[in-house]
Protein backbone atom coordinates (compact mmCIF):
# COMPACT_ATOMS: atom_id res chain seq x y z
CA MET A 1 129.58 64.54 -108.59
CA LEU A 2 129.67 65.10 -112.35
CA ILE A 3 126.18 63.65 -112.69
CA ALA A 4 124.79 66.15 -110.19
CA ILE A 5 126.57 69.12 -111.77
CA GLY A 6 125.43 68.06 -115.24
CA ALA A 7 121.83 67.64 -114.07
CA ILE A 8 121.86 71.09 -112.47
CA LEU A 9 123.25 72.69 -115.61
CA LYS A 10 120.78 70.81 -117.80
CA TRP A 11 117.52 71.26 -115.91
CA ALA A 12 117.94 73.94 -113.24
CA VAL A 13 119.95 76.74 -114.84
CA THR A 14 117.88 79.04 -117.01
CA ALA A 15 120.51 81.67 -117.81
CA GLN A 16 121.33 82.41 -121.43
CA VAL A 17 124.87 83.10 -122.60
CA ASN A 18 125.88 84.18 -126.11
CA GLY A 19 128.06 81.61 -127.88
CA PHE A 20 127.71 78.94 -125.18
CA ASN A 21 124.74 76.70 -124.50
CA ILE A 22 124.67 75.86 -120.79
CA GLN A 23 122.09 73.09 -121.24
CA THR A 24 124.27 71.33 -123.83
CA ALA A 25 127.29 71.60 -121.54
CA GLY A 26 125.15 70.14 -118.74
CA THR A 27 124.19 67.22 -120.95
CA VAL A 28 127.84 66.55 -121.80
CA VAL A 29 128.92 66.69 -118.15
CA PHE A 30 125.97 64.46 -117.18
CA VAL A 31 126.90 61.83 -119.80
CA VAL A 32 130.58 61.90 -118.79
CA GLY A 33 129.50 61.33 -115.18
CA LEU A 34 127.32 58.38 -116.20
CA VAL A 35 130.17 56.83 -118.20
CA GLY A 36 132.50 57.27 -115.22
CA LEU A 37 129.94 55.66 -112.93
CA ALA A 38 129.53 52.71 -115.31
CA LEU A 39 133.30 52.23 -115.57
CA SER A 40 133.75 52.36 -111.80
CA ILE A 41 130.99 49.79 -111.28
CA MET A 42 132.52 47.51 -113.92
CA TYR A 43 135.94 47.85 -112.29
CA THR A 44 134.52 47.12 -108.85
CA PHE A 45 132.58 44.01 -109.79
CA TRP A 46 134.39 42.48 -112.75
CA TRP A 47 137.97 43.64 -113.15
CA SER A 48 138.95 43.53 -109.48
CA SER A 49 137.45 40.11 -108.75
CA PRO A 50 139.86 37.61 -107.21
CA ARG A 51 141.92 35.89 -109.82
CA ARG A 52 141.38 32.19 -110.14
CA ASP A 53 144.68 31.62 -111.92
CA VAL A 54 146.93 32.67 -109.05
CA TYR A 55 149.46 30.02 -108.16
CA ASP A 56 151.13 29.35 -104.86
CA GLU A 57 154.82 30.06 -105.31
CA THR A 58 156.01 28.38 -102.09
CA ARG A 59 158.31 25.38 -102.42
CA VAL A 60 158.72 22.50 -100.06
CA VAL A 61 162.23 21.07 -99.94
CA ARG A 62 162.68 17.70 -98.27
CA ARG A 63 166.21 16.78 -97.40
CA PRO A 64 167.32 13.36 -96.31
CA PRO A 65 168.15 13.02 -92.62
CA PRO A 66 171.85 13.48 -91.77
CA ALA A 67 173.98 10.36 -91.81
CA ALA A 68 174.83 9.06 -88.39
């Protein structure tokens, strides 16, 4: 969403405002959106991968049969 808003502000808006550059703000929003996209892709594929160091915590207790 931020990428689309930043692209619109950067390349589609032609209005001029005193003291505020809309195209620069669009570039900043666009870059923040790209960084967020990159972080979400890294989280999805690398950080949330199944852990290989997970141990099974179950215990098996064997008791001798009762004395007759």
